[in-house]
Amino acid sequence: MLINGQPCLSLATRIREEDQVTVDGRTLKRENKEVTILLYKPVGYLCTRNDPEGRPTIFELLPPHLARQRSIHYAGRLDFDSEGLIILTNCGETSQRLSHPSKKTEKEYVVSLSTPFREEHAQLLIQGVDTPSGFARALAVEKITKRSIAVILHQGLKRQIRYMLDTLGYRVTRLIRVRIGGLTDTSLKPGSWRFLGRRDLAAIFNKTKH
């Protein structure tokens, strides 16, 4: 057996993910097991692997054996000040279906505001407004309480909801992503996660509200 072209002389040798292993002239291929994770991102964590400023990242919330897998990436970010459900996966097809605008995967958010929401503004958000990230529109907006609304998006522009509401004079005090496609999970607490199975993925892609 050769490891990176060199004979392996010890049975205790540990093989790393990046190592090339050759046996009897054949290069062995590592089995790539599909991994998809649902994580509740807390406020104060970045959707990135490394931050030059040393701020915490979502990968620090995973156990080391998962965090070390460079193939695992997030599909649809949440900004530093937002919280809620986010999916991480090593499957390119799953990532594409979640992230690409043409797939129209709904994402629902509960948004708390510093001032009461005027119901006539719901239609303005659905019609669309110009923001620093581009022209943004909501799929649906529903008033929950005096100062909180539910917003459903197909788009995924940077800080989209915050910018949209800012154009109408509102300041967002809390923003939580509560649904991705047809998938919700009220049992997850900030910083916790779980693996997703086939039924979960079916719920994401086969069920929407609008």
N, C-alpha and C. Protein backbone atom coordinates (compact mmCIF):
# COMPACT_ATOMS: atom_id res chain seq x y z
N MET A 1 0.85 -1.20 0.00
CA MET A 1 0.00 0.00 0.00
C MET A 1 0.88 1.25 0.00
N LEU A 2 0.51 2.21 -0.83
CA LEU A 2 1.21 3.49 -0.91
C LEU A 2 0.30 4.61 -0.43
N ILE A 3 0.87 5.52 0.33
CA ILE A 3 0.16 6.73 0.75
C ILE A 3 0.90 7.91 0.17
N ASN A 4 0.23 8.63 -0.72
CA ASN A 4 0.86 9.76 -1.41
C ASN A 4 2.16 9.33 -2.10
N GLY A 5 2.14 8.11 -2.66
CA GLY A 5 3.28 7.61 -3.41
C GLY A 5 4.37 6.97 -2.59
N GLN A 6 4.21 6.97 -1.26
CA GLN A 6 5.23 6.41 -0.38
C GLN A 6 4.71 5.13 0.28
N PRO A 7 5.58 4.10 0.41
CA PRO A 7 5.15 2.86 1.06
C PRO A 7 4.69 3.10 2.49
N CYS A 8 3.60 2.45 2.87
CA CYS A 8 3.11 2.51 4.25
C CYS A 8 3.72 1.33 5.01
N LEU A 9 4.57 1.65 5.99
CA LEU A 9 5.31 0.60 6.71
C LEU A 9 4.76 0.35 8.10
N SER A 10 3.73 1.09 8.52
CA SER A 10 3.20 0.93 9.87
C SER A 10 1.68 0.76 9.81
N LEU A 11 1.17 -0.23 10.50
CA LEU A 11 -0.29 -0.45 10.55
C LEU A 11 -0.99 0.65 11.34
N ALA A 12 -0.21 1.41 12.13
CA ALA A 12 -0.80 2.48 12.95
C ALA A 12 -0.92 3.81 12.20
N THR A 13 -0.49 3.82 10.94
CA THR A 13 -0.55 5.05 10.16
C THR A 13 -1.99 5.51 9.99
N ARG A 14 -2.23 6.80 10.29
CA ARG A 14 -3.58 7.36 10.14
C ARG A 14 -3.68 8.05 8.78
N ILE A 15 -4.75 7.75 8.09
CA ILE A 15 -4.96 8.31 6.75
C ILE A 15 -5.86 9.53 6.86
N ARG A 16 -5.38 10.65 6.31
CA ARG A 16 -6.14 11.89 6.31
C ARG A 16 -7.04 11.97 5.08
N GLU A 17 -8.02 12.87 5.14
CA GLU A 17 -8.97 13.00 4.04
C GLU A 17 -8.27 13.35 2.73
N GLU A 18 -7.20 14.17 2.81
CA GLU A 18 -6.54 14.63 1.59
C GLU A 18 -5.52 13.64 1.04
N ASP A 19 -5.24 12.54 1.77
CA ASP A 19 -4.24 11.57 1.34
C ASP A 19 -4.73 10.74 0.15
N GLN A 20 -3.79 10.39 -0.73
CA GLN A 20 -4.08 9.49 -1.85
C GLN A 20 -3.55 8.11 -1.50
N VAL A 21 -4.43 7.13 -1.51
CA VAL A 21 -4.07 5.77 -1.11
C VAL A 21 -4.12 4.86 -2.34
N THR A 22 -3.02 4.11 -2.56
CA THR A 22 -2.93 3.21 -3.71
C THR A 22 -2.66 1.79 -3.21
N VAL A 23 -3.47 0.83 -3.67
CA VAL A 23 -3.31 -0.58 -3.30
C VAL A 23 -3.26 -1.40 -4.58
N ASP A 24 -2.17 -2.17 -4.74
CA ASP A 24 -1.99 -3.01 -5.93
C ASP A 24 -2.17 -2.21 -7.22
N GLY A 25 -1.66 -0.99 -7.21
CA GLY A 25 -1.71 -0.16 -8.41
C GLY A 25 -3.01 0.58 -8.63
N ARG A 26 -3.98 0.37 -7.76
CA ARG A 26 -5.28 1.05 -7.89
C ARG A 26 -5.43 2.12 -6.82
N THR A 27 -5.84 3.32 -7.25
CA THR A 27 -6.08 4.41 -6.30
C THR A 27 -7.48 4.26 -5.72
N LEU A 28 -7.53 4.20 -4.39
CA LEU A 28 -8.82 4.04 -3.71
C LEU A 28 -9.52 5.38 -3.63
N LYS A 29 -10.81 5.34 -3.86
CA LYS A 29 -11.64 6.55 -3.75
C LYS A 29 -12.41 6.51 -2.45
N ARG A 30 -12.33 7.63 -1.72
CA ARG A 30 -13.08 7.72 -0.47
C ARG A 30 -14.57 7.80 -0.75
N GLU A 31 -15.33 7.05 0.00
CA GLU A 31 -16.79 7.09 -0.15
C GLU A 31 -17.31 8.42 0.38
N ASN A 32 -17.98 9.17 -0.47
CA ASN A 32 -18.52 10.46 -0.05
C ASN A 32 -19.96 10.29 0.42
N LYS A 33 -20.13 10.23 1.71
CA LYS A 33 -21.46 10.07 2.27
C LYS A 33 -22.15 11.43 2.33
N GLU A 34 -23.38 11.46 1.82
CA GLU A 34 -24.10 12.72 1.83
C GLU A 34 -24.48 13.12 3.25
N VAL A 35 -24.15 14.35 3.59
CA VAL A 35 -24.45 14.89 4.91
C VAL A 35 -25.24 16.18 4.74
N THR A 36 -26.41 16.26 5.36
CA THR A 36 -27.19 17.48 5.36
C THR A 36 -27.65 17.75 6.79
N ILE A 37 -27.43 18.98 7.23
CA ILE A 37 -27.63 19.36 8.63
C ILE A 37 -28.57 20.55 8.71
N LEU A 38 -29.46 20.53 9.68
CA LEU A 38 -30.28 21.69 10.01
C LEU A 38 -29.73 22.29 11.29
N LEU A 39 -29.34 23.55 11.22
CA LEU A 39 -28.72 24.24 12.36
C LEU A 39 -29.54 25.47 12.72
N TYR A 40 -29.68 25.71 14.02
CA TYR A 40 -30.29 26.97 14.46
C TYR A 40 -29.14 27.94 14.74
N LYS A 41 -28.95 28.88 13.82
CA LYS A 41 -27.88 29.87 13.97
C LYS A 41 -28.26 30.92 15.00
N PRO A 42 -27.43 31.12 16.02
CA PRO A 42 -27.72 32.19 16.97
C PRO A 42 -27.27 33.55 16.42
N VAL A 43 -27.75 34.62 17.03
CA VAL A 43 -27.23 35.95 16.74
C VAL A 43 -25.76 35.99 17.14
N GLY A 44 -24.95 36.70 16.36
CA GLY A 44 -23.54 36.86 16.72
C GLY A 44 -22.63 35.82 16.13
N TYR A 45 -23.12 35.04 15.16
CA TYR A 45 -22.29 34.06 14.46
C TYR A 45 -22.29 34.38 12.97
N LEU A 46 -21.15 34.20 12.34
CA LEU A 46 -21.01 34.47 10.92
C LEU A 46 -21.17 33.21 10.09
N CYS A 47 -21.75 33.36 8.90
CA CYS A 47 -21.82 32.27 7.94
C CYS A 47 -20.55 32.31 7.09
N THR A 48 -19.49 31.79 7.65
CA THR A 48 -18.20 31.70 6.97
C THR A 48 -17.36 30.69 7.73
N ARG A 49 -16.27 30.23 7.12
CA ARG A 49 -15.39 29.28 7.81
C ARG A 49 -14.38 30.01 8.69
N ASN A 50 -13.86 31.12 8.18
CA ASN A 50 -12.83 31.84 8.92
C ASN A 50 -13.12 33.33 8.86
N ASP A 51 -13.01 33.99 9.99
CA ASP A 51 -13.23 35.43 10.04
C ASP A 51 -11.93 36.12 10.45
N PRO A 52 -11.42 37.06 9.64
CA PRO A 52 -10.18 37.76 9.98
C PRO A 52 -10.23 38.48 11.32
N GLU A 53 -11.45 38.86 11.74
CA GLU A 53 -11.60 39.58 13.00
C GLU A 53 -11.79 38.65 14.20
N GLY A 54 -11.79 37.35 13.93
CA GLY A 54 -11.88 36.39 15.03
C GLY A 54 -13.27 36.21 15.61
N ARG A 55 -14.29 36.65 14.89
CA ARG A 55 -15.65 36.47 15.39
C ARG A 55 -16.08 35.01 15.21
N PRO A 56 -17.01 34.52 16.04
CA PRO A 56 -17.42 33.12 15.95
C PRO A 56 -18.15 32.83 14.64
N THR A 57 -17.99 31.60 14.15
CA THR A 57 -18.64 31.19 12.91
C THR A 57 -19.56 30.00 13.19
N ILE A 58 -20.47 29.75 12.26
CA ILE A 58 -21.43 28.66 12.44
C ILE A 58 -20.76 27.31 12.49
N PHE A 59 -19.57 27.18 11.88
CA PHE A 59 -18.89 25.89 11.88
C PHE A 59 -18.35 25.53 13.26
N GLU A 60 -18.18 26.52 14.12
CA GLU A 60 -17.75 26.27 15.49
C GLU A 60 -18.86 25.62 16.32
N LEU A 61 -20.07 25.64 15.80
CA LEU A 61 -21.20 25.02 16.50
C LEU A 61 -21.31 23.52 16.21
N LEU A 62 -20.56 23.05 15.21
CA LEU A 62 -20.58 21.64 14.85
C LEU A 62 -19.48 20.89 15.58
N PRO A 63 -19.66 19.58 15.78
CA PRO A 63 -18.57 18.78 16.36
C PRO A 63 -17.36 18.79 15.42
N PRO A 64 -16.16 18.64 15.96
CA PRO A 64 -14.93 18.76 15.15
C PRO A 64 -14.90 17.89 13.91
N HIS A 65 -15.41 16.65 14.00
CA HIS A 65 -15.30 15.76 12.83
C HIS A 65 -16.15 16.26 11.67
N LEU A 66 -17.19 17.05 11.95
CA LEU A 66 -17.99 17.64 10.87
C LEU A 66 -17.41 19.00 10.44
N ALA A 67 -16.99 19.79 11.41
CA ALA A 67 -16.44 21.11 11.10
C ALA A 67 -15.21 21.01 10.21
N ARG A 68 -14.46 19.92 10.34
CA ARG A 68 -13.23 19.75 9.55
C ARG A 68 -13.50 19.37 8.10
N GLN A 69 -14.70 18.93 7.80
CA GLN A 69 -15.02 18.51 6.44
C GLN A 69 -15.24 19.73 5.55
N ARG A 70 -14.24 20.03 4.73
CA ARG A 70 -14.30 21.23 3.90
C ARG A 70 -15.43 21.19 2.88
N SER A 71 -15.93 19.99 2.58
CA SER A 71 -17.00 19.88 1.58
C SER A 71 -18.34 20.34 2.14
N ILE A 72 -18.46 20.43 3.46
CA ILE A 72 -19.72 20.88 4.06
C ILE A 72 -19.78 22.41 4.01
N HIS A 73 -20.84 22.92 3.44
CA HIS A 73 -20.99 24.36 3.29
C HIS A 73 -22.44 24.74 3.57
N TYR A 74 -22.68 26.01 3.81
CA TYR A 74 -24.05 26.47 4.08
C TYR A 74 -24.75 26.76 2.76
N ALA A 75 -26.07 26.59 2.76
CA ALA A 75 -26.88 26.87 1.58
C ALA A 75 -27.90 27.94 1.95
N GLY A 76 -27.54 29.19 1.70
CA GLY A 76 -28.41 30.31 2.08
C GLY A 76 -28.00 30.88 3.41
N ARG A 77 -27.27 31.99 3.38
CA ARG A 77 -26.73 32.54 4.61
C ARG A 77 -27.75 33.32 5.43
N LEU A 78 -27.42 33.53 6.68
CA LEU A 78 -28.11 34.48 7.55
C LEU A 78 -27.06 35.47 8.02
N ASP A 79 -27.44 36.76 8.13
CA ASP A 79 -26.43 37.74 8.52
C ASP A 79 -26.11 37.65 10.01
N PHE A 80 -25.07 38.37 10.41
CA PHE A 80 -24.51 38.31 11.76
C PHE A 80 -25.57 38.56 12.83
N ASP A 81 -26.50 39.48 12.56
CA ASP A 81 -27.49 39.90 13.55
C ASP A 81 -28.79 39.11 13.49
N SER A 82 -28.87 38.15 12.58
CA SER A 82 -30.09 37.36 12.43
C SER A 82 -29.89 35.97 13.00
N GLU A 83 -31.00 35.27 13.22
CA GLU A 83 -30.95 33.92 13.80
C GLU A 83 -31.95 33.02 13.09
N GLY A 84 -31.87 31.74 13.42
CA GLY A 84 -32.86 30.81 12.90
C GLY A 84 -32.26 29.69 12.08
N LEU A 85 -33.10 29.06 11.27
CA LEU A 85 -32.75 27.83 10.58
C LEU A 85 -31.84 28.08 9.38
N ILE A 86 -30.81 27.25 9.30
CA ILE A 86 -29.90 27.29 8.16
C ILE A 86 -29.48 25.86 7.85
N ILE A 87 -29.29 25.56 6.58
CA ILE A 87 -28.92 24.21 6.17
C ILE A 87 -27.47 24.18 5.72
N LEU A 88 -26.75 23.17 6.18
CA LEU A 88 -25.39 22.90 5.74
C LEU A 88 -25.37 21.54 5.08
N THR A 89 -24.63 21.42 3.99
CA THR A 89 -24.63 20.17 3.25
C THR A 89 -23.33 19.99 2.48
N ASN A 90 -23.01 18.75 2.16
CA ASN A 90 -21.89 18.48 1.26
C ASN A 90 -22.39 18.04 -0.11
N CYS A 91 -23.70 18.16 -0.33
CA CYS A 91 -24.32 17.74 -1.58
C CYS A 91 -24.57 18.95 -2.48
N GLY A 92 -23.90 18.97 -3.63
CA GLY A 92 -24.05 20.10 -4.53
C GLY A 92 -25.46 20.26 -5.07
N GLU A 93 -26.14 19.14 -5.32
CA GLU A 93 -27.50 19.22 -5.85
C GLU A 93 -28.45 19.83 -4.83
N THR A 94 -28.33 19.40 -3.57
CA THR A 94 -29.17 19.97 -2.51
C THR A 94 -28.90 21.46 -2.36
N SER A 95 -27.62 21.83 -2.38
CA SER A 95 -27.25 23.24 -2.26
C SER A 95 -27.83 24.08 -3.39
N GLN A 96 -27.76 23.55 -4.60
CA GLN A 96 -28.27 24.27 -5.76
C GLN A 96 -29.78 24.46 -5.66
N ARG A 97 -30.48 23.43 -5.25
CA ARG A 97 -31.94 23.50 -5.15
C ARG A 97 -32.37 24.49 -4.08
N LEU A 98 -31.57 24.62 -3.03
CA LEU A 98 -31.91 25.55 -1.95
C LEU A 98 -31.57 26.99 -2.29
N SER A 99 -30.48 27.19 -3.03
CA SER A 99 -29.93 28.52 -3.18
C SER A 99 -30.30 29.23 -4.48
N HIS A 100 -30.52 28.48 -5.56
CA HIS A 100 -30.72 29.12 -6.85
C HIS A 100 -32.11 29.75 -6.94
N PRO A 101 -32.19 31.03 -7.36
CA PRO A 101 -33.49 31.72 -7.43
C PRO A 101 -34.54 31.00 -8.27
N SER A 102 -34.10 30.27 -9.31
CA SER A 102 -35.05 29.60 -10.19
C SER A 102 -35.80 28.48 -9.48
N LYS A 103 -35.25 27.96 -8.40
CA LYS A 103 -35.89 26.86 -7.67
C LYS A 103 -37.01 27.34 -6.76
N LYS A 104 -37.01 28.65 -6.44
CA LYS A 104 -38.10 29.28 -5.68
C LYS A 104 -38.42 28.56 -4.36
N THR A 105 -37.38 28.23 -3.61
CA THR A 105 -37.59 27.64 -2.29
C THR A 105 -38.00 28.74 -1.31
N GLU A 106 -39.18 28.61 -0.74
CA GLU A 106 -39.65 29.62 0.20
C GLU A 106 -38.84 29.61 1.50
N LYS A 107 -38.63 30.80 2.03
CA LYS A 107 -38.04 30.95 3.35
C LYS A 107 -38.90 31.95 4.12
N GLU A 108 -39.30 31.53 5.32
CA GLU A 108 -40.20 32.37 6.12
C GLU A 108 -39.46 32.91 7.35
N TYR A 109 -39.73 34.17 7.65
CA TYR A 109 -39.07 34.88 8.74
C TYR A 109 -40.10 35.55 9.65
N VAL A 110 -39.82 35.53 10.93
CA VAL A 110 -40.59 36.33 11.88
C VAL A 110 -39.74 37.53 12.25
N VAL A 111 -40.30 38.72 12.03
CA VAL A 111 -39.53 39.95 12.16
C VAL A 111 -40.17 40.85 13.22
N SER A 112 -39.37 41.25 14.19
CA SER A 112 -39.82 42.19 15.23
C SER A 112 -39.33 43.59 14.87
N LEU A 113 -40.19 44.57 15.10
CA LEU A 113 -39.90 45.95 14.70
C LEU A 113 -39.90 46.88 15.90
N SER A 114 -39.21 48.00 15.77
CA SER A 114 -39.13 48.96 16.86
C SER A 114 -40.38 49.83 16.95
N THR A 115 -41.16 49.88 15.86
CA THR A 115 -42.39 50.67 15.83
C THR A 115 -43.52 49.83 15.24
N PRO A 116 -44.78 50.19 15.51
CA PRO A 116 -45.90 49.42 14.99
C PRO A 116 -45.90 49.35 13.46
N PHE A 117 -46.28 48.18 12.94
CA PHE A 117 -46.32 47.98 11.49
C PHE A 117 -47.65 48.44 10.93
N ARG A 118 -47.59 49.22 9.87
CA ARG A 118 -48.80 49.70 9.19
C ARG A 118 -49.18 48.69 8.10
N GLU A 119 -50.39 48.17 8.18
CA GLU A 119 -50.79 47.08 7.30
C GLU A 119 -50.74 47.45 5.82
N GLU A 120 -50.90 48.72 5.50
CA GLU A 120 -50.84 49.11 4.09
C GLU A 120 -49.44 48.95 3.50
N HIS A 121 -48.43 48.81 4.38
CA HIS A 121 -47.07 48.63 3.89
C HIS A 121 -46.81 47.20 3.42
N ALA A 122 -47.69 46.29 3.78
CA ALA A 122 -47.49 44.89 3.36
C ALA A 122 -47.50 44.80 1.84
N GLN A 123 -48.44 45.48 1.19
CA GLN A 123 -48.54 45.41 -0.26
C GLN A 123 -47.34 46.06 -0.92
N LEU A 124 -46.78 47.10 -0.32
CA LEU A 124 -45.58 47.74 -0.88
C LEU A 124 -44.40 46.77 -0.87
N LEU A 125 -44.28 45.99 0.20
CA LEU A 125 -43.20 45.02 0.29
C LEU A 125 -43.38 43.90 -0.74
N ILE A 126 -44.62 43.54 -1.03
CA ILE A 126 -44.90 42.50 -2.02
C ILE A 126 -44.66 43.03 -3.44
N GLN A 127 -45.01 44.28 -3.67
CA GLN A 127 -44.77 44.88 -4.99
C GLN A 127 -43.29 45.06 -5.25
N GLY A 128 -42.52 45.32 -4.20
CA GLY A 128 -41.08 45.44 -4.32
C GLY A 128 -40.58 46.85 -4.12
N VAL A 129 -39.37 46.95 -3.60
CA VAL A 129 -38.73 48.24 -3.35
C VAL A 129 -37.26 48.15 -3.74
N ASP A 130 -36.68 49.32 -4.03
CA ASP A 130 -35.25 49.38 -4.32
C ASP A 130 -34.47 49.39 -3.02
N THR A 131 -33.44 48.55 -2.95
CA THR A 131 -32.59 48.48 -1.75
C THR A 131 -31.13 48.53 -2.19
N PRO A 132 -30.20 48.72 -1.25
CA PRO A 132 -28.77 48.69 -1.60
C PRO A 132 -28.34 47.36 -2.22
N SER A 133 -29.11 46.29 -2.03
CA SER A 133 -28.77 44.98 -2.60
C SER A 133 -29.45 44.72 -3.93
N GLY A 134 -30.31 45.66 -4.36
CA GLY A 134 -31.04 45.48 -5.60
C GLY A 134 -32.54 45.57 -5.37
N PHE A 135 -33.31 45.36 -6.44
CA PHE A 135 -34.76 45.41 -6.31
C PHE A 135 -35.23 44.17 -5.56
N ALA A 136 -35.94 44.40 -4.47
CA ALA A 136 -36.32 43.30 -3.58
C ALA A 136 -37.82 43.29 -3.37
N ARG A 137 -38.37 42.07 -3.34
CA ARG A 137 -39.80 41.94 -3.08
C ARG A 137 -40.05 40.73 -2.20
N ALA A 138 -41.12 40.82 -1.43
CA ALA A 138 -41.56 39.70 -0.59
C ALA A 138 -42.63 38.92 -1.33
N LEU A 139 -42.71 37.64 -1.05
CA LEU A 139 -43.76 36.81 -1.62
C LEU A 139 -45.06 37.02 -0.85
N ALA A 140 -44.94 37.16 0.46
CA ALA A 140 -46.11 37.38 1.32
C ALA A 140 -45.66 38.08 2.59
N VAL A 141 -46.56 38.89 3.14
CA VAL A 141 -46.32 39.58 4.40
C VAL A 141 -47.58 39.51 5.23
N GLU A 142 -47.46 39.10 6.47
CA GLU A 142 -48.62 38.97 7.36
C GLU A 142 -48.31 39.59 8.71
N LYS A 143 -49.19 40.43 9.18
CA LYS A 143 -49.02 41.04 10.49
C LYS A 143 -49.35 40.03 11.58
N ILE A 144 -48.45 39.84 12.54
CA ILE A 144 -48.65 38.89 13.63
C ILE A 144 -49.15 39.62 14.87
N THR A 145 -48.39 40.61 15.30
CA THR A 145 -48.78 41.46 16.42
C THR A 145 -48.55 42.90 15.99
N LYS A 146 -48.73 43.80 16.92
CA LYS A 146 -48.57 45.22 16.61
C LYS A 146 -47.20 45.53 16.03
N ARG A 147 -46.17 44.85 16.56
CA ARG A 147 -44.80 45.16 16.14
C ARG A 147 -44.06 43.94 15.59
N SER A 148 -44.77 42.97 15.08
CA SER A 148 -44.10 41.82 14.47
C SER A 148 -44.87 41.35 13.24
N ILE A 149 -44.13 40.88 12.25
CA ILE A 149 -44.71 40.41 11.00
C ILE A 149 -44.02 39.12 10.57
N ALA A 150 -44.72 38.35 9.74
CA ALA A 150 -44.14 37.19 9.07
C ALA A 150 -43.88 37.58 7.62
N VAL A 151 -42.68 37.31 7.15
CA VAL A 151 -42.30 37.65 5.78
C VAL A 151 -41.82 36.38 5.08
N ILE A 152 -42.35 36.12 3.88
CA ILE A 152 -41.93 34.97 3.09
C ILE A 152 -41.20 35.47 1.85
N LEU A 153 -40.03 34.89 1.59
CA LEU A 153 -39.20 35.29 0.45
C LEU A 153 -38.93 34.12 -0.47
N HIS A 154 -38.74 34.44 -1.76
CA HIS A 154 -38.09 33.54 -2.70
C HIS A 154 -36.65 34.00 -2.92
N GLN A 155 -36.48 35.32 -2.91
CA GLN A 155 -35.16 35.91 -3.13
C GLN A 155 -34.26 35.67 -1.92
N GLY A 156 -32.97 35.93 -2.11
CA GLY A 156 -32.02 35.82 -1.01
C GLY A 156 -30.96 36.89 -1.10
N LEU A 157 -31.38 38.16 -1.27
CA LEU A 157 -30.43 39.26 -1.36
C LEU A 157 -29.82 39.56 0.00
N LYS A 158 -28.65 40.18 -0.02
CA LYS A 158 -27.96 40.51 1.22
C LYS A 158 -28.80 41.44 2.08
N ARG A 159 -29.02 41.05 3.33
CA ARG A 159 -29.76 41.84 4.33
C ARG A 159 -31.10 42.33 3.76
N GLN A 160 -31.73 41.46 2.97
CA GLN A 160 -32.90 41.88 2.19
C GLN A 160 -34.03 42.45 3.03
N ILE A 161 -34.45 41.70 4.05
CA ILE A 161 -35.60 42.14 4.85
C ILE A 161 -35.27 43.43 5.60
N ARG A 162 -34.09 43.51 6.16
CA ARG A 162 -33.70 44.72 6.89
C ARG A 162 -33.71 45.93 5.96
N TYR A 163 -33.14 45.77 4.78
CA TYR A 163 -33.11 46.89 3.84
C TYR A 163 -34.51 47.26 3.37
N MET A 164 -35.34 46.27 3.08
CA MET A 164 -36.70 46.55 2.61
C MET A 164 -37.48 47.36 3.63
N LEU A 165 -37.40 46.92 4.88
CA LEU A 165 -38.15 47.60 5.92
C LEU A 165 -37.55 48.98 6.24
N ASP A 166 -36.25 49.09 6.08
CA ASP A 166 -35.60 50.38 6.32
C ASP A 166 -36.11 51.44 5.33
N THR A 167 -36.39 51.03 4.09
CA THR A 167 -36.89 51.99 3.10
C THR A 167 -38.25 52.55 3.51
N LEU A 168 -38.97 51.81 4.35
CA LEU A 168 -40.29 52.26 4.81
C LEU A 168 -40.23 52.87 6.20
N GLY A 169 -39.03 53.04 6.74
CA GLY A 169 -38.88 53.73 8.02
C GLY A 169 -38.91 52.85 9.24
N TYR A 170 -38.76 51.53 9.06
CA TYR A 170 -38.78 50.61 10.21
C TYR A 170 -37.36 50.18 10.56
N ARG A 171 -37.16 49.89 11.84
CA ARG A 171 -35.90 49.30 12.30
C ARG A 171 -36.19 47.91 12.83
N VAL A 172 -35.49 46.93 12.31
CA VAL A 172 -35.66 45.54 12.74
C VAL A 172 -34.92 45.33 14.05
N THR A 173 -35.62 44.81 15.06
CA THR A 173 -34.99 44.52 16.35
C THR A 173 -34.68 43.04 16.53
N ARG A 174 -35.36 42.19 15.76
CA ARG A 174 -35.07 40.76 15.80
C ARG A 174 -35.57 40.13 14.52
N LEU A 175 -34.78 39.20 13.96
CA LEU A 175 -35.16 38.53 12.72
C LEU A 175 -34.82 37.05 12.84
N ILE A 176 -35.85 36.21 12.69
CA ILE A 176 -35.68 34.76 12.87
C ILE A 176 -36.19 34.04 11.63
N ARG A 177 -35.35 33.21 11.03
CA ARG A 177 -35.83 32.34 9.94
C ARG A 177 -36.45 31.11 10.58
N VAL A 178 -37.74 30.89 10.32
CA VAL A 178 -38.48 29.82 10.98
C VAL A 178 -38.87 28.68 10.05
N ARG A 179 -38.71 28.87 8.74
CA ARG A 179 -39.13 27.82 7.80
C ARG A 179 -38.28 27.88 6.55
N ILE A 180 -37.88 26.72 6.04
CA ILE A 180 -37.21 26.59 4.75
C ILE A 180 -38.01 25.60 3.93
N GLY A 181 -38.61 26.05 2.82
CA GLY A 181 -39.53 25.20 2.07
C GLY A 181 -40.68 24.81 2.97
N GLY A 182 -40.90 23.53 3.17
CA GLY A 182 -41.95 23.07 4.08
C GLY A 182 -41.39 22.59 5.40
N LEU A 183 -40.13 22.88 5.69
CA LEU A 183 -39.48 22.35 6.89
C LEU A 183 -39.41 23.39 8.00
N THR A 184 -39.93 23.03 9.16
CA THR A 184 -39.79 23.82 10.37
C THR A 184 -39.30 22.89 11.48
N ASP A 185 -38.76 23.47 12.56
CA ASP A 185 -38.35 22.65 13.70
C ASP A 185 -38.28 23.55 14.93
N THR A 186 -39.34 23.55 15.70
CA THR A 186 -39.40 24.40 16.89
C THR A 186 -38.64 23.80 18.06
N SER A 187 -38.14 22.56 17.92
CA SER A 187 -37.41 21.93 19.02
C SER A 187 -35.95 22.39 19.08
N LEU A 188 -35.43 22.90 17.96
CA LEU A 188 -34.04 23.35 17.95
C LEU A 188 -33.89 24.66 18.70
N LYS A 189 -32.89 24.73 19.54
CA LYS A 189 -32.55 25.94 20.27
C LYS A 189 -31.33 26.59 19.63
N PRO A 190 -31.10 27.89 19.89
CA PRO A 190 -29.93 28.54 19.30
C PRO A 190 -28.64 27.77 19.56
N GLY A 191 -27.91 27.47 18.49
CA GLY A 191 -26.66 26.75 18.60
C GLY A 191 -26.79 25.25 18.45
N SER A 192 -28.01 24.71 18.42
CA SER A 192 -28.20 23.26 18.29
C SER A 192 -28.44 22.89 16.83
N TRP A 193 -28.31 21.60 16.53
CA TRP A 193 -28.42 21.13 15.15
C TRP A 193 -28.85 19.67 15.15
N ARG A 194 -29.25 19.20 13.96
CA ARG A 194 -29.55 17.79 13.77
C ARG A 194 -29.35 17.43 12.31
N PHE A 195 -29.15 16.14 12.05
CA PHE A 195 -29.06 15.66 10.68
C PHE A 195 -30.45 15.64 10.05
N LEU A 196 -30.48 15.86 8.75
CA LEU A 196 -31.72 15.76 7.99
C LEU A 196 -31.74 14.47 7.20
N GLY A 197 -32.90 13.83 7.19
CA GLY A 197 -33.09 12.61 6.42
C GLY A 197 -33.91 12.85 5.17
N ARG A 198 -34.28 11.78 4.51
CA ARG A 198 -35.02 11.90 3.25
C ARG A 198 -36.38 12.57 3.44
N ARG A 199 -37.05 12.25 4.54
CA ARG A 199 -38.36 12.88 4.77
C ARG A 199 -38.22 14.38 4.96
N ASP A 200 -37.17 14.79 5.65
CA ASP A 200 -36.93 16.22 5.85
C ASP A 200 -36.70 16.92 4.51
N LEU A 201 -35.87 16.32 3.67
CA LEU A 201 -35.59 16.92 2.37
C LEU A 201 -36.84 16.96 1.50
N ALA A 202 -37.67 15.92 1.61
CA ALA A 202 -38.93 15.92 0.87
C ALA A 202 -39.82 17.06 1.35
N ALA A 203 -39.81 17.31 2.66
CA ALA A 203 -40.62 18.39 3.22
C ALA A 203 -40.15 19.74 2.70
N ILE A 204 -38.84 19.89 2.55
CA ILE A 204 -38.31 21.16 2.04
C ILE A 204 -38.77 21.40 0.61
N PHE A 205 -38.62 20.42 -0.24
CA PHE A 205 -38.79 20.64 -1.67
C PHE A 205 -40.19 20.36 -2.21
N ASN A 206 -41.02 19.66 -1.45
CA ASN A 206 -42.32 19.27 -1.96
C ASN A 206 -43.49 20.02 -1.37
N LYS A 207 -43.21 20.92 -0.43
CA LYS A 207 -44.31 21.61 0.22
C LYS A 207 -43.97 23.06 0.44
N THR A 208 -44.86 23.95 -0.01
CA THR A 208 -44.74 25.36 0.23
C THR A 208 -46.11 25.90 0.59
N LYS A 209 -46.14 27.14 1.09
CA LYS A 209 -47.40 27.74 1.52
C LYS A 209 -48.00 28.63 0.43
N HIS A 210 -47.16 29.08 -0.53
CA HIS A 210 -47.66 30.01 -1.53
C HIS A 210 -47.23 29.57 -2.93
